Amino acid sequence: MPKMKTNRGAAKRFKATGSGKIRRNKAFSSHILTKKSTKRKRNLRKSSLIDDANLKAVKRMLPYL
């Protein structure tokens, strides 16, 4: 049985926490920032955990995470 391949795009976007949960960064923070409020931009800087609905799909893309 060959080794499974990691989805490289997903590997650059997700990291595992110490407890095994998967962390992601928020979208909509790279351009067209003038119309977004300072509070909204500040909250976009924080990372969050992926939703349970997407956990199975992300784990399939990252078999060694």
N, C-alpha and C. Protein backbone atom coordinates (compact mmCIF):
# COMPACT_ATOMS: atom_id res chain seq x y z
N MET A 1 0.85 -1.19 0.00
CA MET A 1 0.00 0.00 0.00
C MET A 1 0.89 1.25 0.00
N PRO A 2 0.73 2.13 -0.98
CA PRO A 2 1.57 3.33 -1.01
C PRO A 2 1.14 4.34 0.06
N LYS A 3 2.05 5.25 0.30
CA LYS A 3 1.74 6.33 1.25
C LYS A 3 0.64 7.21 0.68
N MET A 4 -0.16 7.79 1.56
CA MET A 4 -1.21 8.71 1.13
C MET A 4 -0.59 10.08 0.88
N LYS A 5 -1.13 10.79 -0.09
CA LYS A 5 -0.62 12.12 -0.39
C LYS A 5 -1.40 13.17 0.39
N THR A 6 -0.66 14.14 0.91
CA THR A 6 -1.27 15.29 1.58
C THR A 6 -1.68 16.31 0.53
N ASN A 7 -2.85 16.90 0.69
CA ASN A 7 -3.28 18.00 -0.17
C ASN A 7 -2.47 19.23 0.23
N ARG A 8 -1.56 19.66 -0.64
CA ARG A 8 -0.61 20.71 -0.28
C ARG A 8 -1.29 22.06 -0.05
N GLY A 9 -2.37 22.34 -0.76
CA GLY A 9 -3.10 23.58 -0.53
C GLY A 9 -3.70 23.62 0.85
N ALA A 10 -4.24 22.49 1.30
CA ALA A 10 -4.82 22.40 2.64
C ALA A 10 -3.72 22.47 3.71
N ALA A 11 -2.57 21.88 3.42
CA ALA A 11 -1.48 21.86 4.40
C ALA A 11 -0.99 23.27 4.71
N LYS A 12 -1.09 24.16 3.73
CA LYS A 12 -0.65 25.54 3.94
C LYS A 12 -1.70 26.36 4.69
N ARG A 13 -2.94 25.89 4.73
CA ARG A 13 -4.01 26.67 5.34
C ARG A 13 -4.38 26.23 6.74
N PHE A 14 -4.11 24.97 7.09
CA PHE A 14 -4.56 24.44 8.37
C PHE A 14 -3.37 23.96 9.21
N LYS A 15 -3.49 24.13 10.53
CA LYS A 15 -2.49 23.63 11.47
C LYS A 15 -3.23 22.95 12.61
N ALA A 16 -2.60 21.95 13.20
CA ALA A 16 -3.22 21.24 14.32
C ALA A 16 -2.84 21.93 15.63
N THR A 17 -3.79 21.98 16.56
CA THR A 17 -3.49 22.49 17.89
C THR A 17 -2.91 21.35 18.73
N GLY A 18 -2.51 21.66 19.94
CA GLY A 18 -1.95 20.64 20.80
C GLY A 18 -2.93 19.55 21.16
N SER A 19 -4.21 19.89 21.22
CA SER A 19 -5.24 18.91 21.59
C SER A 19 -5.78 18.16 20.38
N GLY A 20 -5.25 18.46 19.17
CA GLY A 20 -5.67 17.73 17.98
C GLY A 20 -6.75 18.40 17.16
N LYS A 21 -7.24 19.55 17.61
CA LYS A 21 -8.22 20.30 16.82
C LYS A 21 -7.49 20.99 15.68
N ILE A 22 -8.23 21.44 14.66
CA ILE A 22 -7.60 22.04 13.49
C ILE A 22 -7.92 23.52 13.45
N ARG A 23 -6.87 24.33 13.35
CA ARG A 23 -6.97 25.79 13.37
C ARG A 23 -6.92 26.32 11.95
N ARG A 24 -7.67 27.40 11.71
CA ARG A 24 -7.66 28.04 10.39
C ARG A 24 -7.62 29.55 10.56
N ASN A 25 -7.22 30.24 9.51
CA ASN A 25 -7.28 31.70 9.51
C ASN A 25 -8.55 32.15 8.81
N LYS A 26 -8.99 33.34 9.12
CA LYS A 26 -10.23 33.84 8.55
C LYS A 26 -9.99 34.44 7.16
N ALA A 27 -11.02 34.38 6.34
CA ALA A 27 -10.96 34.91 4.98
C ALA A 27 -11.37 36.40 4.98
N PHE A 28 -11.32 37.02 3.83
CA PHE A 28 -11.76 38.41 3.60
C PHE A 28 -10.88 39.45 4.29
N SER A 29 -9.59 39.18 4.45
CA SER A 29 -8.74 40.14 5.14
C SER A 29 -7.57 40.62 4.30
N SER A 30 -7.56 40.33 3.00
CA SER A 30 -6.37 40.65 2.21
C SER A 30 -6.50 41.91 1.36
N HIS A 31 -7.68 42.21 0.85
CA HIS A 31 -7.82 43.42 0.03
C HIS A 31 -9.24 43.94 0.15
N ILE A 32 -9.48 45.11 -0.45
CA ILE A 32 -10.75 45.86 -0.29
C ILE A 32 -11.02 46.09 1.20
N LEU A 33 -10.03 46.67 1.88
CA LEU A 33 -10.12 46.84 3.32
C LEU A 33 -10.68 48.20 3.74
N THR A 34 -10.79 49.14 2.80
CA THR A 34 -11.20 50.49 3.19
C THR A 34 -12.65 50.54 3.65
N LYS A 35 -13.51 49.72 3.10
CA LYS A 35 -14.92 49.75 3.49
C LYS A 35 -15.21 48.91 4.74
N LYS A 36 -14.24 48.15 5.19
CA LYS A 36 -14.43 47.32 6.39
C LYS A 36 -14.02 48.11 7.62
N SER A 37 -14.78 47.94 8.69
CA SER A 37 -14.51 48.70 9.90
C SER A 37 -13.24 48.19 10.58
N THR A 38 -12.65 49.03 11.41
CA THR A 38 -11.43 48.66 12.14
C THR A 38 -11.69 47.45 13.03
N LYS A 39 -12.86 47.42 13.68
CA LYS A 39 -13.21 46.29 14.54
C LYS A 39 -13.30 44.99 13.75
N ARG A 40 -13.89 45.07 12.56
CA ARG A 40 -14.03 43.88 11.72
C ARG A 40 -12.67 43.37 11.25
N LYS A 41 -11.80 44.30 10.85
CA LYS A 41 -10.46 43.91 10.40
C LYS A 41 -9.64 43.31 11.55
N ARG A 42 -9.79 43.87 12.75
CA ARG A 42 -9.08 43.35 13.92
C ARG A 42 -9.54 41.93 14.24
N ASN A 43 -10.83 41.66 14.14
CA ASN A 43 -11.34 40.32 14.41
C ASN A 43 -10.96 39.32 13.33
N LEU A 44 -10.73 39.78 12.11
CA LEU A 44 -10.29 38.89 11.04
C LEU A 44 -8.87 38.41 11.23
N ARG A 45 -8.08 39.13 12.04
CA ARG A 45 -6.69 38.71 12.30
C ARG A 45 -6.61 37.47 13.17
N LYS A 46 -7.64 37.23 13.98
CA LYS A 46 -7.61 36.10 14.90
C LYS A 46 -7.88 34.80 14.14
N SER A 47 -7.26 33.73 14.60
CA SER A 47 -7.54 32.43 14.01
C SER A 47 -8.73 31.80 14.72
N SER A 48 -9.33 30.79 14.10
CA SER A 48 -10.45 30.09 14.72
C SER A 48 -10.32 28.61 14.39
N LEU A 49 -11.20 27.81 14.96
CA LEU A 49 -11.19 26.37 14.72
C LEU A 49 -12.16 26.05 13.58
N ILE A 50 -11.87 24.97 12.85
CA ILE A 50 -12.78 24.62 11.76
C ILE A 50 -14.05 24.03 12.35
N ASP A 51 -15.14 24.17 11.61
CA ASP A 51 -16.44 23.71 12.03
C ASP A 51 -16.51 22.19 11.97
N ASP A 52 -17.37 21.59 12.80
CA ASP A 52 -17.51 20.14 12.81
C ASP A 52 -17.97 19.59 11.46
N ALA A 53 -18.75 20.39 10.71
CA ALA A 53 -19.25 19.93 9.42
C ALA A 53 -18.11 19.72 8.42
N ASN A 54 -17.00 20.45 8.58
CA ASN A 54 -15.88 20.35 7.65
C ASN A 54 -14.74 19.49 8.17
N LEU A 55 -14.84 19.00 9.39
CA LEU A 55 -13.74 18.28 10.02
C LEU A 55 -13.36 17.01 9.25
N LYS A 56 -14.35 16.25 8.82
CA LYS A 56 -14.08 14.99 8.12
C LYS A 56 -13.35 15.24 6.80
N ALA A 57 -13.78 16.25 6.06
CA ALA A 57 -13.17 16.55 4.76
C ALA A 57 -11.74 17.03 4.93
N VAL A 58 -11.48 17.85 5.94
CA VAL A 58 -10.12 18.38 6.15
C VAL A 58 -9.20 17.27 6.62
N LYS A 59 -9.69 16.40 7.49
CA LYS A 59 -8.87 15.28 7.95
C LYS A 59 -8.51 14.33 6.81
N ARG A 60 -9.39 14.19 5.83
CA ARG A 60 -9.11 13.36 4.66
C ARG A 60 -8.01 13.99 3.81
N MET A 61 -8.01 15.32 3.72
CA MET A 61 -6.99 16.01 2.93
C MET A 61 -5.63 16.00 3.62
N LEU A 62 -5.64 15.91 4.96
CA LEU A 62 -4.40 15.97 5.74
C LEU A 62 -4.27 14.68 6.56
N PRO A 63 -3.88 13.57 5.94
CA PRO A 63 -3.88 12.29 6.65
C PRO A 63 -2.84 12.22 7.77
N TYR A 64 -1.79 13.03 7.72
CA TYR A 64 -0.71 12.93 8.71
C TYR A 64 -0.72 14.09 9.69
N LEU A 65 -1.80 14.85 9.77
CA LEU A 65 -1.87 16.00 10.66
C LEU A 65 -2.24 15.55 12.05
